[in-house]
Amino acid sequence: MASWNSVQLEVLSNVLGWSAFVAWSISFYPQIIMNFRRKSVVGLNFDFVVLNLTKHSSYLIYNASLFFSSVVQDQYRQKYGLDQMIPVAANDVAFSTHAVLVTAFTLFQIAIYDRGNQKVSKTCIAIVSVVWLAAAVCVFVALPSHSWLWLVSCFNTLQVTMTVVKYIPQAVMNFRRKSTVGFSIGNILLDLLGGVANYGQMAVLSIDQNSWVNFYGNIGKTLLSLVSIFFDLLFILQHYVLYPTKKMTTTPNPDKVSQEPLLKSSDDTNSENV
């Protein structure tokens, strides 16, 4: 079984890993607190939250399987080399578990707080339905002829896809409204910090092992960091440069905020309430 070559790098990896966990975990709360204080979720794109829950659920399945299952771990080493360390750490499992819970709580806030005219788009519902249908096909149809590692890698692929897709509705909403009011920038700043720390942890492991298998052997984690960093920088640009928030003496009327759903097909102008 592979082990660390440098105690110092092992310590640094743990520090970076748990720093990413703390930053990413805390990043959910500015939005939750903002929703609670405003008693409104106007400005937060519902498609973003629904897609985010699907993404984190897929990521949790992948992380937990690779971290806890000796069968999956053996198959990983057979594929990438017996001397390779498992690329999923305890902080990855802890983060995924926490992310699923707090994202589900954010959906609960959407259900109980003022939503204005905002809705989950039919396109979003269709995407989520297709994703879980594909997952079911992998489990019940394709698994008998493939390995368990292949199956958990399918969930990793799903989470990468959802990572790319989930940010788009919020970014487009901000662009159309020319405002980021109702969307917490604190969430984004902490998410950026977590992405950088997560990428740094992977780099430290690769340096210690003198191998870059850690990156392409866990491509989901690699792309998770890169995609998150890209969209975080875009949101920061929108918030501070393109649509800086003006000081207001009163809370904006939610009914005056554009509520057009972002993920919609050409013939889908109306969608279902949450």
Protein backbone atom coordinates (compact mmCIF):
# COMPACT_ATOMS: atom_id res chain seq x y z
CA MET A 1 0.00 0.00 0.00
CA ALA A 2 1.32 3.43 -0.95
CA SER A 3 2.34 5.86 1.78
CA TRP A 4 3.65 9.39 2.06
CA ASN A 5 7.33 9.94 1.30
CA SER A 6 7.52 13.25 3.15
CA VAL A 7 5.99 13.93 6.55
CA GLN A 8 6.05 17.67 5.85
CA LEU A 9 4.11 17.25 2.60
CA GLU A 10 1.64 14.95 4.31
CA VAL A 11 0.97 17.61 6.95
CA LEU A 12 0.65 20.30 4.27
CA SER A 13 -1.78 18.11 2.32
CA ASN A 14 -3.95 17.62 5.41
CA VAL A 15 -3.91 21.35 6.15
CA LEU A 16 -4.93 22.21 2.58
CA GLY A 17 -7.56 19.48 2.50
CA TRP A 18 -9.28 20.51 5.70
CA SER A 19 -8.92 24.19 4.75
CA ALA A 20 -10.87 23.38 1.58
CA PHE A 21 -13.44 21.52 3.68
CA VAL A 22 -13.90 24.44 6.09
CA ALA A 23 -14.05 27.07 3.32
CA TRP A 24 -16.44 25.08 1.16
CA SER A 25 -18.62 24.09 4.11
CA ILE A 26 -18.90 27.62 5.46
CA SER A 27 -19.57 28.92 1.94
CA PHE A 28 -23.14 27.61 2.10
CA TYR A 29 -24.09 29.69 5.12
CA PRO A 30 -23.90 33.30 3.87
CA GLN A 31 -26.71 32.49 1.42
CA ILE A 32 -28.73 30.66 4.09
CA ILE A 33 -28.30 33.57 6.51
CA MET A 34 -29.22 36.09 3.81
CA ASN A 35 -32.38 34.12 3.01
CA PHE A 36 -33.29 34.00 6.70
CA ARG A 37 -32.76 37.72 7.26
CA ARG A 38 -34.69 38.75 4.15
CA LYS A 39 -37.33 36.03 4.59
CA SER A 40 -37.01 35.89 0.84
CA VAL A 41 -35.13 33.84 -1.76
CA VAL A 42 -35.73 36.30 -4.59
CA GLY A 43 -32.48 36.69 -6.54
CA LEU A 44 -31.27 33.16 -5.78
CA ASN A 45 -31.76 31.02 -8.86
CA PHE A 46 -33.73 27.89 -7.98
CA ASP A 47 -32.27 25.90 -10.87
CA PHE A 48 -28.82 26.51 -9.38
CA VAL A 49 -29.88 24.99 -6.06
CA VAL A 50 -31.64 21.95 -7.57
CA LEU A 51 -28.72 21.20 -9.88
CA ASN A 52 -26.32 21.72 -6.99
CA LEU A 53 -28.12 19.10 -4.89
CA THR A 54 -27.86 16.58 -7.74
CA LYS A 55 -24.18 17.39 -8.16
CA HIS A 56 -23.33 16.97 -4.48
CA SER A 57 -25.35 13.77 -4.18
CA SER A 58 -23.39 12.24 -7.07
CA TYR A 59 -20.12 13.44 -5.58
CA LEU A 60 -20.99 11.94 -2.19
CA ILE A 61 -21.67 8.54 -3.76
CA TYR A 62 -18.30 8.66 -5.53
CA ASN A 63 -16.28 9.87 -2.55
CA ALA A 64 -17.85 7.51 -0.01
CA SER A 65 -17.47 4.50 -2.32
CA LEU A 66 -13.80 5.14 -3.09
CA PHE A 67 -12.96 6.01 0.53
CA PHE A 68 -14.77 3.19 2.35
CA SER A 69 -14.93 0.30 -0.12
CA SER A 70 -11.86 -1.95 -0.18
CA VAL A 71 -13.17 -3.55 -3.39
CA VAL A 72 -13.28 -0.22 -5.21
CA GLN A 73 -9.87 0.72 -3.81
CA ASP A 74 -8.34 -2.53 -5.06
CA GLN A 75 -9.82 -1.97 -8.51
CA TYR A 76 -8.43 1.58 -8.51
CA ARG A 77 -4.91 0.35 -7.73
CA GLN A 78 -5.16 -2.39 -10.35
CA LYS A 79 -6.03 0.26 -12.93
CA TYR A 80 -3.61 3.03 -11.96
CA GLY A 81 -0.85 1.13 -10.16
CA LEU A 82 -0.44 -0.72 -6.87
CA ASP A 83 1.80 2.06 -5.53
CA GLN A 84 -0.83 4.77 -6.01
CA MET A 85 -2.59 6.39 -3.07
CA ILE A 86 -6.37 6.63 -3.10
CA PRO A 87 -7.14 10.21 -4.26
CA VAL A 88 -10.15 10.66 -1.95
CA ALA A 89 -9.43 11.90 1.57
CA ALA A 90 -11.60 12.03 4.69
CA ASN A 91 -12.22 15.74 4.14
CA ASP A 92 -13.74 14.96 0.71
CA VAL A 93 -16.31 12.61 2.26
CA ALA A 94 -17.05 15.05 5.09
CA PHE A 95 -17.56 17.92 2.67
CA SER A 96 -19.85 15.94 0.36
CA THR A 97 -22.03 14.80 3.26
CA HIS A 98 -22.31 18.32 4.63
CA ALA A 99 -22.98 19.78 1.18
CA VAL A 100 -25.95 17.47 0.54
CA LEU A 101 -27.51 18.37 3.89
CA VAL A 102 -27.15 22.16 3.66
CA THR A 103 -28.21 22.27 0.00
CA ALA A 104 -31.33 20.33 0.94
CA PHE A 105 -31.93 22.88 3.71
CA THR A 106 -31.61 25.71 1.17
CA LEU A 107 -34.34 24.02 -0.88
CA PHE A 108 -36.45 23.98 2.28
CA GLN A 109 -35.93 27.75 2.57
CA ILE A 110 -37.06 28.13 -1.03
CA ALA A 111 -40.24 26.27 -0.12
CA ILE A 112 -41.13 28.44 2.90
CA TYR A 113 -39.81 31.94 2.06
CA ASP A 114 -41.06 34.58 -0.37
CA ARG A 115 -40.22 33.49 -3.91
CA GLY A 116 -41.83 36.28 -5.90
CA ASN A 117 -42.60 34.78 -9.29
CA GLN A 118 -39.48 32.60 -9.40
CA LYS A 119 -39.85 28.94 -10.29
CA VAL A 120 -37.78 25.88 -11.06
CA SER A 121 -37.67 25.64 -14.84
CA LYS A 122 -38.97 22.61 -16.71
CA THR A 123 -35.60 22.32 -18.41
CA CYS A 124 -33.91 21.97 -15.03
CA ILE A 125 -36.38 19.29 -13.99
CA ALA A 126 -35.74 17.49 -17.28
CA ILE A 127 -31.96 17.62 -16.79
CA VAL A 128 -32.18 16.22 -13.27
CA SER A 129 -34.57 13.49 -14.40
CA VAL A 130 -32.22 12.44 -17.22
CA VAL A 131 -29.23 12.42 -14.86
CA TRP A 132 -30.85 10.08 -12.34
CA LEU A 133 -32.31 7.91 -15.08
CA ALA A 134 -28.79 7.53 -16.49
CA ALA A 135 -27.53 6.64 -13.03
CA ALA A 136 -30.24 4.00 -12.67
CA VAL A 137 -29.29 2.50 -16.05
CA CYS A 138 -25.66 2.31 -14.93
CA VAL A 139 -26.61 0.54 -11.71
CA PHE A 140 -29.22 -1.93 -12.93
CA VAL A 141 -28.28 -2.50 -16.58
CA ALA A 142 -24.59 -1.85 -17.21
CA LEU A 143 -23.07 -2.86 -13.85
CA PRO A 144 -23.16 -6.66 -14.37
CA SER A 145 -20.65 -6.32 -17.21
CA HIS A 146 -18.49 -3.64 -15.57
CA SER A 147 -16.51 -3.14 -12.36
CA TRP A 148 -17.59 -1.27 -9.25
CA LEU A 149 -14.88 1.29 -10.01
CA TRP A 150 -16.52 1.90 -13.37
CA LEU A 151 -19.86 2.49 -11.64
CA VAL A 152 -18.57 5.00 -9.09
CA SER A 153 -16.65 6.70 -11.91
CA CYS A 154 -20.01 7.17 -13.65
CA PHE A 155 -21.22 9.12 -10.63
CA ASN A 156 -18.00 11.12 -10.74
CA THR A 157 -18.72 11.96 -14.38
CA LEU A 158 -22.24 13.02 -13.42
CA GLN A 159 -20.98 15.36 -10.73
CA VAL A 160 -18.46 16.93 -13.14
CA THR A 161 -21.24 17.52 -15.67
CA MET A 162 -23.50 19.03 -13.03
CA THR A 163 -20.64 21.22 -11.77
CA VAL A 164 -20.36 22.77 -15.22
CA VAL A 165 -24.12 23.15 -15.68
CA LYS A 166 -25.18 24.32 -12.22
CA TYR A 167 -23.50 27.74 -12.29
CA ILE A 168 -24.95 28.79 -15.64
CA PRO A 169 -28.51 29.68 -14.50
CA GLN A 170 -27.27 32.01 -11.74
CA ALA A 171 -24.69 33.66 -14.00
CA VAL A 172 -27.30 34.28 -16.69
CA MET A 173 -29.83 35.57 -14.14
CA ASN A 174 -27.27 38.06 -12.85
CA PHE A 175 -26.58 39.17 -16.42
CA ARG A 176 -30.25 39.63 -17.30
CA ARG A 177 -31.05 41.49 -14.09
CA LYS A 178 -27.77 43.46 -14.22
CA SER A 179 -27.65 42.81 -10.49
CA THR A 180 -26.42 40.27 -7.93
CA VAL A 181 -28.90 41.37 -5.23
CA GLY A 182 -30.18 38.28 -3.39
CA PHE A 183 -27.15 36.17 -4.32
CA SER A 184 -24.48 36.04 -1.61
CA ILE A 185 -20.95 36.99 -2.71
CA GLY A 186 -19.66 35.57 0.58
CA ASN A 187 -20.62 32.15 -0.75
CA ILE A 188 -18.48 32.75 -3.83
CA LEU A 189 -15.41 34.09 -2.01
CA LEU A 190 -15.32 31.07 0.29
CA ASP A 191 -15.98 28.72 -2.63
CA LEU A 192 -12.97 30.23 -4.44
CA LEU A 193 -10.78 29.72 -1.38
CA GLY A 194 -11.93 26.11 -1.13
CA GLY A 195 -11.24 25.46 -4.80
CA VAL A 196 -7.70 26.81 -4.58
CA ALA A 197 -6.97 24.82 -1.41
CA ASN A 198 -8.44 21.65 -2.93
CA TYR A 199 -6.30 22.01 -6.05
CA GLY A 200 -3.27 22.68 -3.86
CA GLN A 201 -3.88 19.47 -1.91
CA MET A 202 -3.88 17.46 -5.12
CA ALA A 203 -0.68 19.14 -6.27
CA VAL A 204 1.08 18.37 -2.96
CA LEU A 205 0.10 14.69 -3.22
CA SER A 206 1.39 14.53 -6.78
CA ILE A 207 4.70 16.13 -5.81
CA ASP A 208 5.15 13.71 -2.91
CA GLN A 209 4.38 10.66 -5.06
CA ASN A 210 6.27 12.03 -8.07
CA SER A 211 3.26 11.11 -10.19
CA TRP A 212 0.38 13.02 -11.77
CA VAL A 213 -1.98 10.03 -11.69
CA ASN A 214 -3.70 11.83 -8.82
CA PHE A 215 -5.02 14.37 -11.31
CA TYR A 216 -6.24 12.17 -14.17
CA GLY A 217 -7.10 9.24 -11.89
CA ASN A 218 -9.57 11.53 -10.10
CA ILE A 219 -10.48 13.81 -12.96
CA GLY A 220 -13.73 14.75 -11.21
CA LYS A 221 -11.93 16.41 -8.33
CA THR A 222 -9.56 18.16 -10.74
CA LEU A 223 -12.35 19.57 -12.89
CA LEU A 224 -14.41 20.41 -9.80
CA SER A 225 -11.71 22.79 -8.63
CA LEU A 226 -11.00 24.33 -12.05
CA VAL A 227 -14.66 24.86 -13.01
CA SER A 228 -15.52 26.24 -9.56
CA ILE A 229 -12.62 28.69 -9.72
CA PHE A 230 -13.65 29.86 -13.20
CA PHE A 231 -17.27 30.59 -12.26
CA ASP A 232 -16.28 32.09 -8.90
CA LEU A 233 -14.10 34.60 -10.73
CA LEU A 234 -17.00 35.32 -13.09
CA PHE A 235 -19.39 35.96 -10.18
CA ILE A 236 -16.80 38.19 -8.49
CA LEU A 237 -16.51 40.17 -11.73
CA GLN A 238 -20.28 40.50 -11.92
CA HIS A 239 -20.66 41.56 -8.29
CA TYR A 240 -17.80 44.04 -7.92
CA VAL A 241 -17.20 45.31 -11.47
CA LEU A 242 -20.15 44.83 -13.79
CA TYR A 243 -23.11 45.18 -11.40
CA PRO A 244 -21.85 46.72 -8.14
CA THR A 245 -24.57 46.78 -5.49
CA LYS A 246 -25.85 50.27 -4.74
CA LYS A 247 -26.48 51.24 -1.14
CA MET A 248 -30.17 51.21 -0.42
CA THR A 249 -32.02 52.56 2.60
CA THR A 250 -34.87 50.08 2.18
CA THR A 251 -35.10 46.47 1.16
CA PRO A 252 -35.90 46.16 -2.55
CA ASN A 253 -39.40 45.03 -3.39
CA PRO A 254 -39.08 41.38 -4.44
CA ASP A 255 -41.97 41.80 -6.90
CA LYS A 256 -39.90 44.34 -8.85
CA VAL A 257 -37.07 41.89 -9.37
CA SER A 258 -37.10 39.99 -12.65
CA GLN A 259 -38.13 36.45 -11.96
CA GLU A 260 -37.69 34.86 -15.40
CA PRO A 261 -36.46 31.26 -15.09
CA LEU A 262 -33.03 30.78 -16.63
CA LEU A 263 -32.95 27.20 -17.83
CA LYS A 264 -35.75 26.99 -20.34
CA SER A 265 -36.35 25.72 -23.81
CA SER A 266 -37.64 27.88 -26.63
CA ASP A 267 -41.20 26.75 -26.03
CA ASP A 268 -40.95 26.73 -22.27
CA THR A 269 -41.82 30.14 -20.92
CA ASN A 270 -43.66 28.95 -17.86
CA SER A 271 -42.66 26.34 -15.32
CA GLU A 272 -43.88 24.66 -12.19
CA ASN A 273 -43.77 26.15 -8.74
CA VAL A 274 -41.36 24.57 -6.29
